[in-house]
Every structure is written in C-alpha cells, then in structure tokens.
C-alpha atoms as a PDB file:
ATOM      1  CA  UNK A   1      51.459  11.263 -34.084  1.00  0.00           C
ATOM      2  CA  UNK A   2      52.294  13.671 -36.941  1.00  0.00           C
ATOM      3  CA  UNK A   3      51.439  11.497 -39.928  1.00  0.00           C
ATOM      4  CA  UNK A   4      48.259  11.864 -41.945  1.00  0.00           C
ATOM      5  CA  UNK A   5      47.970   8.076 -41.841  1.00  0.00           C
ATOM      6  CA  UNK A   6      46.708   8.476 -38.301  1.00  0.00           C
ATOM      7  CA  UNK A   7      43.403   9.664 -39.755  1.00  0.00           C
ATOM      8  CA  UNK A   8      42.610   6.070 -40.667  1.00  0.00           C
ATOM      9  CA  UNK A   9      42.545   5.247 -36.983  1.00  0.00           C
ATOM     10  CA  UNK A  10      40.636   8.167 -35.501  1.00  0.00           C
ATOM     11  CA  UNK A  11      37.704   6.941 -33.481  1.00  0.00           C
ATOM     12  CA  UNK A  12      34.809   8.955 -32.207  1.00  0.00           C
ATOM     13  CA  UNK A  13      31.269   8.859 -31.737  1.00  0.00           C
ATOM     14  CA  UNK A  14      32.917  12.587 -30.110  1.00  0.00           C
ATOM     15  CA  UNK A  15      37.646  21.065 -24.648  1.00  0.00           C
ATOM     16  CA  UNK A  16      38.030  22.237 -21.429  1.00  0.00           C
ATOM     17  CA  UNK A  17      38.695  20.510 -18.060  1.00  0.00           C
ATOM     18  CA  UNK A  18      35.704  19.557 -15.937  1.00  0.00           C
ATOM     19  CA  UNK A  19      34.465  22.584 -14.007  1.00  0.00           C
ATOM     20  CA  UNK A  20      34.092  22.761 -10.256  1.00  0.00           C
ATOM     21  CA  UNK A  21      31.006  21.007  -8.921  1.00  0.00           C
ATOM     22  CA  UNK A  22      29.219  24.172  -7.865  1.00  0.00           C
ATOM     23  CA  UNK A  23      29.640  25.737 -11.281  1.00  0.00           C
ATOM     24  CA  UNK A  24      28.430  22.578 -12.985  1.00  0.00           C
ATOM     25  CA  UNK A  25      25.250  22.535 -10.913  1.00  0.00           C
ATOM     26  CA  UNK A  26      24.564  26.230 -11.445  1.00  0.00           C
ATOM     27  CA  UNK A  27      24.218  26.031 -15.201  1.00  0.00           C
ATOM     28  CA  UNK A  28      21.114  23.837 -15.114  1.00  0.00           C
ATOM     29  CA  UNK A  29      18.128  26.146 -15.018  1.00  0.00           C
ATOM     30  CA  UNK A  30      14.928  25.035 -13.232  1.00  0.00           C
ATOM     31  CA  UNK A  31      12.981  25.214 -16.510  1.00  0.00           C
ATOM     32  CA  UNK A  32      15.402  22.841 -18.193  1.00  0.00           C
ATOM     33  CA  UNK A  33      15.553  20.479 -15.212  1.00  0.00           C
ATOM     34  CA  UNK A  34      11.768  20.108 -15.067  1.00  0.00           C
ATOM     35  CA  UNK A  35      11.536  18.706 -18.559  1.00  0.00           C
ATOM     36  CA  UNK A  36      11.262  15.061 -19.453  1.00  0.00           C
ATOM     37  CA  UNK A  37      14.778  13.804 -19.933  1.00  0.00           C
ATOM     38  CA  UNK A  38      16.468  15.925 -17.289  1.00  0.00           C
ATOM     39  CA  UNK A  39      20.210  16.227 -17.920  1.00  0.00           C
ATOM     40  CA  UNK A  40      22.138  14.739 -15.022  1.00  0.00           C
ATOM     41  CA  UNK A  41      24.894  17.173 -13.926  1.00  0.00           C
ATOM     42  CA  UNK A  42      28.442  16.045 -14.789  1.00  0.00           C
ATOM     43  CA  UNK A  43      29.498  15.993 -11.119  1.00  0.00           C
ATOM     44  CA  UNK A  44      26.636  13.675 -10.118  1.00  0.00           C
ATOM     45  CA  UNK A  45      26.563   9.975  -9.314  1.00  0.00           C
ATOM     46  CA  UNK A  46      23.481   8.287 -10.741  1.00  0.00           C
ATOM     47  CA  UNK A  47      22.404   4.683 -11.304  1.00  0.00           C
ATOM     48  CA  UNK A  48      25.373   3.503  -9.291  1.00  0.00           C
ATOM     49  CA  UNK A  49      28.224   5.401 -10.981  1.00  0.00           C
ATOM     50  CA  UNK A  50      29.537   8.819 -11.990  1.00  0.00           C
ATOM     51  CA  UNK A  51      30.166  10.175 -15.489  1.00  0.00           C
ATOM     52  CA  UNK A  52      33.693   8.758 -15.611  1.00  0.00           C
ATOM     53  CA  UNK A  53      32.505   5.298 -14.640  1.00  0.00           C
ATOM     54  CA  UNK A  54      29.642   5.391 -17.111  1.00  0.00           C
ATOM     55  CA  UNK A  55      32.007   6.562 -19.851  1.00  0.00           C
ATOM     56  CA  UNK A  56      34.081   3.414 -19.255  1.00  0.00           C
ATOM     57  CA  UNK A  57      30.917   1.316 -19.537  1.00  0.00           C
ATOM     58  CA  UNK A  58      29.952   3.216 -22.714  1.00  0.00           C
ATOM     59  CA  UNK A  59      33.295   2.346 -24.303  1.00  0.00           C
ATOM     60  CA  UNK A  60      33.080  -1.289 -23.212  1.00  0.00           C
ATOM     61  CA  UNK A  61      29.694  -1.439 -24.942  1.00  0.00           C
ATOM     62  CA  UNK A  62      31.139   0.187 -28.060  1.00  0.00           C
ATOM     63  CA  UNK A  63      34.280  -1.930 -28.298  1.00  0.00           C
ATOM     64  CA  UNK A  64      32.561  -5.245 -27.626  1.00  0.00           C
ATOM     65  CA  UNK A  65      29.784  -4.901 -30.227  1.00  0.00           C
ATOM     66  CA  UNK A  66      30.165  -6.761 -33.542  1.00  0.00           C
ATOM     67  CA  UNK A  67      31.158  -4.737 -36.580  1.00  0.00           C
ATOM     68  CA  UNK A  68      27.904  -5.517 -38.423  1.00  0.00           C
ATOM     69  CA  UNK A  69      25.340  -2.902 -37.406  1.00  0.00           C
ATOM     70  CA  UNK A  70      27.795  -1.074 -35.161  1.00  0.00           C
ATOM     71  CA  UNK A  71      26.549   2.316 -33.839  1.00  0.00           C
ATOM     72  CA  UNK A  72      29.758   3.977 -35.091  1.00  0.00           C
ATOM     73  CA  UNK A  73      28.945   2.904 -38.664  1.00  0.00           C
ATOM     74  CA  UNK A  74      26.231   4.519 -40.780  1.00  0.00           C
ATOM     75  CA  UNK A  75      24.442   1.308 -41.684  1.00  0.00           C
ATOM     76  CA  UNK A  76      20.808   0.206 -42.111  1.00  0.00           C
ATOM     77  CA  UNK A  77      21.743  -2.787 -39.940  1.00  0.00           C
ATOM     78  CA  UNK A  78      22.026  -0.574 -36.833  1.00  0.00           C
ATOM     79  CA  UNK A  79      19.937  -1.907 -33.950  1.00  0.00           C
ATOM     80  CA  UNK A  80      19.574   0.388 -30.946  1.00  0.00           C
ATOM     81  CA  UNK A  81      18.839  -2.604 -28.685  1.00  0.00           C
ATOM     82  CA  UNK A  82      22.167  -4.363 -29.390  1.00  0.00           C
ATOM     83  CA  UNK A  83      24.190  -4.852 -26.240  1.00  0.00           C
ATOM     84  CA  UNK A  84      21.739  -2.854 -24.122  1.00  0.00           C
ATOM     85  CA  UNK A  85      20.624  -3.929 -20.660  1.00  0.00           C
ATOM     86  CA  UNK A  86      19.592  -2.513 -17.313  1.00  0.00           C
ATOM     87  CA  UNK A  87      18.284   0.943 -16.505  1.00  0.00           C
ATOM     88  CA  UNK A  88      20.853   2.840 -18.593  1.00  0.00           C
ATOM     89  CA  UNK A  89      21.079   2.559 -22.382  1.00  0.00           C
ATOM     90  CA  UNK A  90      23.858   3.952 -24.558  1.00  0.00           C
ATOM     91  CA  UNK A  91      23.743   6.095 -27.684  1.00  0.00           C
ATOM     92  CA  UNK A  92      26.524   7.092 -30.072  1.00  0.00           C
ATOM     93  CA  UNK A  93      27.058   7.957 -33.690  1.00  0.00           C
ATOM     94  CA  UNK A  94      29.504   7.851 -36.602  1.00  0.00           C
ATOM     95  CA  UNK A  95      31.281  10.641 -38.459  1.00  0.00           C
ATOM     96  CA  UNK A  96      29.172  12.661 -40.842  1.00  0.00           C
ATOM     97  CA  UNK A  97      25.552  13.753 -40.844  1.00  0.00           C
ATOM     98  CA  UNK A  98      23.367  10.818 -39.817  1.00  0.00           C
ATOM     99  CA  UNK A  99      19.715  10.489 -38.794  1.00  0.00           C
ATOM    100  CA  UNK A 100      18.244   7.456 -37.067  1.00  0.00           C
ATOM    101  CA  UNK A 101      14.694   6.575 -36.034  1.00  0.00           C
ATOM    102  CA  UNK A 102      14.596   4.218 -33.067  1.00  0.00           C
ATOM    103  CA  UNK A 103      12.237   2.920 -30.423  1.00  0.00           C
ATOM    104  CA  UNK A 104      13.331   2.464 -26.816  1.00  0.00           C
ATOM    105  CA  UNK A 105      11.476   1.182 -23.753  1.00  0.00           C
ATOM    106  CA  UNK A 106      10.119   3.538 -21.116  1.00  0.00           C
ATOM    107  CA  UNK A 107      12.146   4.029 -17.975  1.00  0.00           C
ATOM    108  CA  UNK A 108      15.590   3.936 -19.618  1.00  0.00           C
ATOM    109  CA  UNK A 109      18.142   6.629 -18.832  1.00  0.00           C
ATOM    110  CA  UNK A 110      20.436   7.470 -21.756  1.00  0.00           C
ATOM    111  CA  UNK A 111      24.194   7.895 -21.582  1.00  0.00           C
ATOM    112  CA  UNK A 112      25.242   9.554 -24.829  1.00  0.00           C
ATOM    113  CA  UNK A 113      28.739   9.624 -26.290  1.00  0.00           C
ATOM    114  CA  UNK A 114      28.711  13.034 -27.987  1.00  0.00           C
ATOM    115  CA  UNK A 115      32.286  13.208 -29.301  1.00  0.00           C
ATOM    116  CA  UNK A 116      34.818  10.933 -27.709  1.00  0.00           C
ATOM    117  CA  UNK A 117      37.931   8.845 -28.334  1.00  0.00           C
ATOM    118  CA  UNK A 118      39.746   5.917 -26.758  1.00  0.00           C
ATOM    119  CA  UNK A 119      43.268   4.493 -26.845  1.00  0.00           C
ATOM    120  CA  UNK A 120      43.912   0.852 -26.070  1.00  0.00           C
ATOM    121  CA  UNK A 121      46.452  -1.933 -25.750  1.00  0.00           C
ATOM    122  CA  UNK A 122      44.802  -3.850 -28.594  1.00  0.00           C
ATOM    123  CA  UNK A 123      45.353  -1.388 -31.434  1.00  0.00           C
ATOM    124  CA  UNK A 124      48.536  -1.470 -33.558  1.00  0.00           C
ATOM    125  CA  UNK A 125      51.476   0.554 -32.282  1.00  0.00           C
ATOM    126  CA  UNK A 126      51.686   2.482 -35.557  1.00  0.00           C
ATOM    127  CA  UNK A 127      48.066   3.633 -35.271  1.00  0.00           C
ATOM    128  CA  UNK A 128      48.661   6.499 -32.873  1.00  0.00           C
ATOM    129  CA  UNK A 129      46.065   4.973 -30.541  1.00  0.00           C
ATOM    130  CA  UNK A 130      48.131   2.230 -28.891  1.00  0.00           C
ATOM    131  CA  UNK A 131      49.103   2.380 -25.231  1.00  0.00           C
ATOM    132  CA  UNK A 132      50.201  -0.427 -22.953  1.00  0.00           C
ATOM    133  CA  UNK A 133      49.683   1.277 -19.584  1.00  0.00           C
ATOM    134  CA  UNK A 134      46.883   3.353 -18.160  1.00  0.00           C
ATOM    135  CA  UNK A 135      49.152   6.396 -18.207  1.00  0.00           C
ATOM    136  CA  UNK A 136      50.050   5.940 -21.880  1.00  0.00           C
ATOM    137  CA  UNK A 137      46.420   5.370 -22.847  1.00  0.00           C
ATOM    138  CA  UNK A 138      45.262   8.406 -20.873  1.00  0.00           C
ATOM    139  CA  UNK A 139      47.917  10.665 -22.406  1.00  0.00           C
ATOM    140  CA  UNK A 140      47.109   9.609 -25.965  1.00  0.00           C
ATOM    141  CA  UNK A 141      43.340   9.852 -25.441  1.00  0.00           C
ATOM    142  CA  UNK A 142      43.769  13.357 -24.038  1.00  0.00           C
ATOM    143  CA  UNK A 143      45.805  14.388 -27.080  1.00  0.00           C
ATOM    144  CA  UNK A 144      43.083  13.293 -29.507  1.00  0.00           C
ATOM    145  CA  UNK A 145      40.224  14.632 -27.353  1.00  0.00           C
ATOM    146  CA  UNK A 146      41.942  18.029 -27.141  1.00  0.00           C
ATOM    147  CA  UNK A 147      41.117  18.345 -30.843  1.00  0.00           C
ATOM    148  CA  UNK A 148      37.346  18.159 -30.313  1.00  0.00           C
ATOM    149  CA  UNK A 149      35.608  21.493 -30.931  1.00  0.00           C
ATOM    150  CA  UNK A 150      32.114  22.899 -31.485  1.00  0.00           C
ATOM    151  CA  UNK A 151      30.468  20.327 -29.221  1.00  0.00           C
ATOM    152  CA  UNK A 152      26.686  20.476 -28.833  1.00  0.00           C
ATOM    153  CA  UNK A 153      23.698  18.483 -27.645  1.00  0.00           C
ATOM    154  CA  UNK A 154      20.070  19.530 -28.120  1.00  0.00           C
ATOM    155  CA  UNK A 155      17.260  17.559 -26.484  1.00  0.00           C
ATOM    156  CA  UNK A 156      13.728  18.292 -27.693  1.00  0.00           C
ATOM    157  CA  UNK A 157      14.804  21.753 -28.801  1.00  0.00           C
ATOM    158  CA  UNK A 158      16.697  22.633 -25.588  1.00  0.00           C
ATOM    159  CA  UNK A 159      20.481  22.952 -25.838  1.00  0.00           C
ATOM    160  CA  UNK A 160      22.447  21.389 -22.997  1.00  0.00           C
ATOM    161  CA  UNK A 161      24.136  24.380 -21.340  1.00  0.00           C
ATOM    162  CA  UNK A 162      27.852  24.613 -20.635  1.00  0.00           C
ATOM    163  CA  UNK A 163      28.624  21.508 -22.654  1.00  0.00           C
ATOM    164  CA  UNK A 164      32.352  21.953 -21.903  1.00  0.00           C
ATOM    165  CA  UNK A 165      31.611  20.752 -18.360  1.00  0.00           C
ATOM    166  CA  UNK A 166      30.689  17.358 -19.820  1.00  0.00           C
ATOM    167  CA  UNK A 167      34.209  16.359 -20.829  1.00  0.00           C
ATOM    168  CA  UNK A 168      35.453  13.443 -18.733  1.00  0.00           C
ATOM    169  CA  UNK A 169      38.274  10.933 -18.766  1.00  0.00           C
ATOM    170  CA  UNK A 170      37.422   7.338 -17.948  1.00  0.00           C
ATOM    171  CA  UNK A 171      39.346   5.070 -15.615  1.00  0.00           C
ATOM    172  CA  UNK A 172      41.200   2.285 -17.360  1.00  0.00           C
ATOM    173  CA  UNK A 173      38.805  -0.546 -18.203  1.00  0.00           C
ATOM    174  CA  UNK A 174      39.014  -4.061 -19.651  1.00  0.00           C
ATOM    175  CA  UNK A 175      37.216  -5.105 -22.810  1.00  0.00           C
ATOM    176  CA  UNK A 176      36.899  -8.161 -25.041  1.00  0.00           C
ATOM    177  CA  UNK A 177      36.586  -7.258 -28.728  1.00  0.00           C
ATOM    178  CA  UNK A 178      35.074  -9.600 -31.327  1.00  0.00           C
ATOM    179  CA  UNK A 179      36.779 -10.447 -34.628  1.00  0.00           C
ATOM    180  CA  UNK A 180      36.511  -8.324 -36.648  1.00  0.00           C
ATOM    181  CA  UNK A 181      35.975  -5.378 -34.332  1.00  0.00           C
ATOM    182  CA  UNK A 182      35.375  -1.708 -34.973  1.00  0.00           C
ATOM    183  CA  UNK A 183      39.110  -0.891 -35.014  1.00  0.00           C
ATOM    184  CA  UNK A 184      40.703  -4.011 -36.467  1.00  0.00           C
ATOM    185  CA  UNK A 185      40.382  -7.371 -38.148  1.00  0.00           C
ATOM    186  CA  UNK A 186      41.362  -9.374 -35.070  1.00  0.00           C
ATOM    187  CA  UNK A 187      39.845  -8.752 -31.653  1.00  0.00           C
ATOM    188  CA  UNK A 188      40.770 -10.071 -28.250  1.00  0.00           C
ATOM    189  CA  UNK A 189      41.242  -8.903 -24.679  1.00  0.00           C
ATOM    190  CA  UNK A 190      42.516  -5.406 -24.092  1.00  0.00           C
ATOM    191  CA  UNK A 191      42.607  -2.423 -21.784  1.00  0.00           C
ATOM    192  CA  UNK A 192      41.730   1.143 -22.709  1.00  0.00           C
ATOM    193  CA  UNK A 193      41.068   4.701 -21.520  1.00  0.00           C
ATOM    194  CA  UNK A 194      38.499   7.038 -23.069  1.00  0.00           C
ATOM    195  CA  UNK A 195      38.297  10.838 -23.142  1.00  0.00           C
ATOM    196  CA  UNK A 196      35.632  13.115 -24.525  1.00  0.00           C
ATOM    197  CA  UNK A 197      32.158  14.548 -24.089  1.00  0.00           C
ATOM    198  CA  UNK A 198      29.103  12.738 -22.751  1.00  0.00           C
ATOM    199  CA  UNK A 199      25.580  13.691 -21.704  1.00  0.00           C
ATOM    200  CA  UNK A 200      23.596  11.627 -19.192  1.00  0.00           C
ATOM    201  CA  UNK A 201      19.826  11.942 -19.539  1.00  0.00           C
ATOM    202  CA  UNK A 202      17.185  10.692 -17.130  1.00  0.00           C
ATOM    203  CA  UNK A 203      14.301   8.669 -18.643  1.00  0.00           C
ATOM    204  CA  UNK A 204      12.271  10.419 -21.300  1.00  0.00           C
ATOM    205  CA  UNK A 205       8.488  10.515 -21.067  1.00  0.00           C
ATOM    206  CA  UNK A 206       6.560   8.165 -23.368  1.00  0.00           C
ATOM    207  CA  UNK A 207       6.121   9.645 -26.831  1.00  0.00           C
ATOM    208  CA  UNK A 208       8.261  11.244 -29.525  1.00  0.00           C
ATOM    209  CA  UNK A 209      11.619  12.920 -28.814  1.00  0.00           C
ATOM    210  CA  UNK A 210      14.575  14.273 -30.753  1.00  0.00           C
ATOM    211  CA  UNK A 211      18.204  14.281 -29.628  1.00  0.00           C
ATOM    212  CA  UNK A 212      20.688  16.117 -31.846  1.00  0.00           C
ATOM    213  CA  UNK A 213      24.374  16.135 -30.965  1.00  0.00           C
ATOM    214  CA  UNK A 214      27.851  16.363 -32.395  1.00  0.00           C
ATOM    215  CA  UNK A 215      31.167  18.151 -32.688  1.00  0.00           C
ATOM    216  CA  UNK A 216      34.250  18.363 -34.884  1.00  0.00           C
ATOM    217  CA  UNK A 217      37.675  16.780 -34.622  1.00  0.00           C
ATOM    218  CA  UNK A 218      39.874  19.561 -36.011  1.00  0.00           C
ATOM    219  CA  UNK A 219      43.558  19.197 -36.917  1.00  0.00           C
ATOM    220  CA  UNK A 220      46.003  21.721 -38.402  1.00  0.00           C
ATOM    221  CA  UNK A 221      49.216  21.350 -40.345  1.00  0.00           C
ATOM    222  CA  UNK A 222      51.043  23.632 -37.929  1.00  0.00           C
ATOM    223  CA  UNK A 223      50.043  21.781 -34.760  1.00  0.00           C
ATOM    224  CA  UNK A 224      49.478  18.211 -35.942  1.00  0.00           C
ATOM    225  CA  UNK A 225      51.293  17.751 -39.233  1.00  0.00           C
ATOM    226  CA  UNK A 226      48.090  17.497 -41.277  1.00  0.00           C
ATOM    227  CA  UNK A 227      44.893  19.433 -41.912  1.00  0.00           C
ATOM    228  CA  UNK A 228      41.562  17.738 -41.296  1.00  0.00           C
ATOM    229  CA  UNK A 229      38.054  18.393 -40.034  1.00  0.00           C
ATOM    230  CA  UNK A 230      36.019  15.338 -39.081  1.00  0.00           C
ATOM    231  CA  UNK A 231      32.463  16.308 -38.072  1.00  0.00           C
ATOM    232  CA  UNK A 232      29.826  14.386 -36.148  1.00  0.00           C
ATOM    233  CA  UNK A 233      26.235  15.532 -36.696  1.00  0.00           C
ATOM    234  CA  UNK A 234      23.937  12.891 -35.235  1.00  0.00           C
ATOM    235  CA  UNK A 235      20.159  13.083 -34.896  1.00  0.00           C
ATOM    236  CA  UNK A 236      18.038  10.498 -33.112  1.00  0.00           C
ATOM    237  CA  UNK A 237      14.272  10.553 -33.486  1.00  0.00           C
ATOM    238  CA  UNK A 238      13.184   8.419 -30.552  1.00  0.00           C
ATOM    239  CA  UNK A 239       9.879   6.825 -29.785  1.00  0.00           C
ATOM    240  CA  UNK A 240       9.606   5.923 -26.114  1.00  0.00           C
ATOM    241  CA  UNK A 241       7.005   3.251 -25.444  1.00  0.00           C
END
C-alpha cells in the first residue's frame, strides 16, 4: 500500500461519512429541486434501489464493459449508449480534463460516478486493490476513497450542495469482466466493493444540458509513501431527445 507502483492500479471515474437523513434532505433548496434534473437525495430509494445499490450497479456496468470505448478512457470510441438499459443510465469519466458531447433519450434518470474506486477479487494481489472477502474489499476501497478531495458536481450551472453527503459504500457485488478489461489483460468472474461519490439525477427535460463534475485523488509522501495528485474534470454536454 506504500509503493508508488500502486499508482498504476488506481481506478476512478471519483470525504466524509454519509450524513443523517434529515440533514441530507435539508440541503436541497426548493429552487434547486424544481429544476429539470432534480438531484435525488442520498438517503432516498428511487427506481427500485438506494444509492448504495445503484453504486453497485454502476460498478457492474463499468467493470463489464469492453476496454475499447470504455467510459474511463478518453477515447473517440466512447459510446454513451454502451451497456445502458432501463430507466436509469450511468455516466462516468477518466482522469484528466475531458469533454464529451452525447445524446440520450428522454425519460432517463442519470446515476453519475463522480469520483469513486473499487477493490475486487479479480485484480492482482500486488496491485493494492485485491481483496478476497467483502470485508477486505470494503477496507481497501475505503482507504483509496479516503484520498478523494475537492469533489464537485454542477448541473446546468447549479452546484449540487453538500456533496460530501453523496459518498456511499456499495454492498459486495458479482461481476463478469471481458478480456481484456479495464484493469487487466484477462477478465473473468469476480466480486468487488466500491466506495466514493455519486449523484443521482431525475430525468432531464428535452433540450441541451451541461453536467460538470470531478475531484482529486491526493496522496502524500508522509501518509502514503508517495506524492501524487490525480484529478478528474469531466464535462458532459448532453442533448436530451
């Protein structure tokens, strides 16, 4: 966990524990809630699951997509429709400053991985992201997610308030990775736990929208054995039609 080689295995798309339900509800002003694309509070259950459950589904989507055109890679091959189905679509982004222009159907809620990390049974033991049990995976994911800072999400010019309330840990989930997959040459069946920041947005009105989000994975020599800052600065220009 102290070697700089671990940087080759850091995975995000994505600081404080989830706040009490009443506090989480209070931060959403009526003016913000009335807009198209209302932010669903982090204590809520919507479309059949809560934030933790949807974060597990978000990671299953991420881990099971082919490497070509993967949302965690800045590539012209990216296709926002890949792997999407149902009433909830997923968004994520790679490290760095990236802008994408996409078109999505009307009536789709968006579950966005802002800055997040997972640890699984499928990754090499030397990676710093390998865990065999749910407890091991959860502990490792928490360690990496504790290094996420400066998290933000802005939807059509309105910043999501109290973004720290949007950190959640997923339950352990199963996934089936292709070969190659986003974190290795050989895929297969695995289990994993994710930890990080997510924003759940109700369907946007038809037309043009902008979602800007990100954060920084920050490591120090004193605490982690190496210095590094790995930013995410992702902008989606969406056409809803």
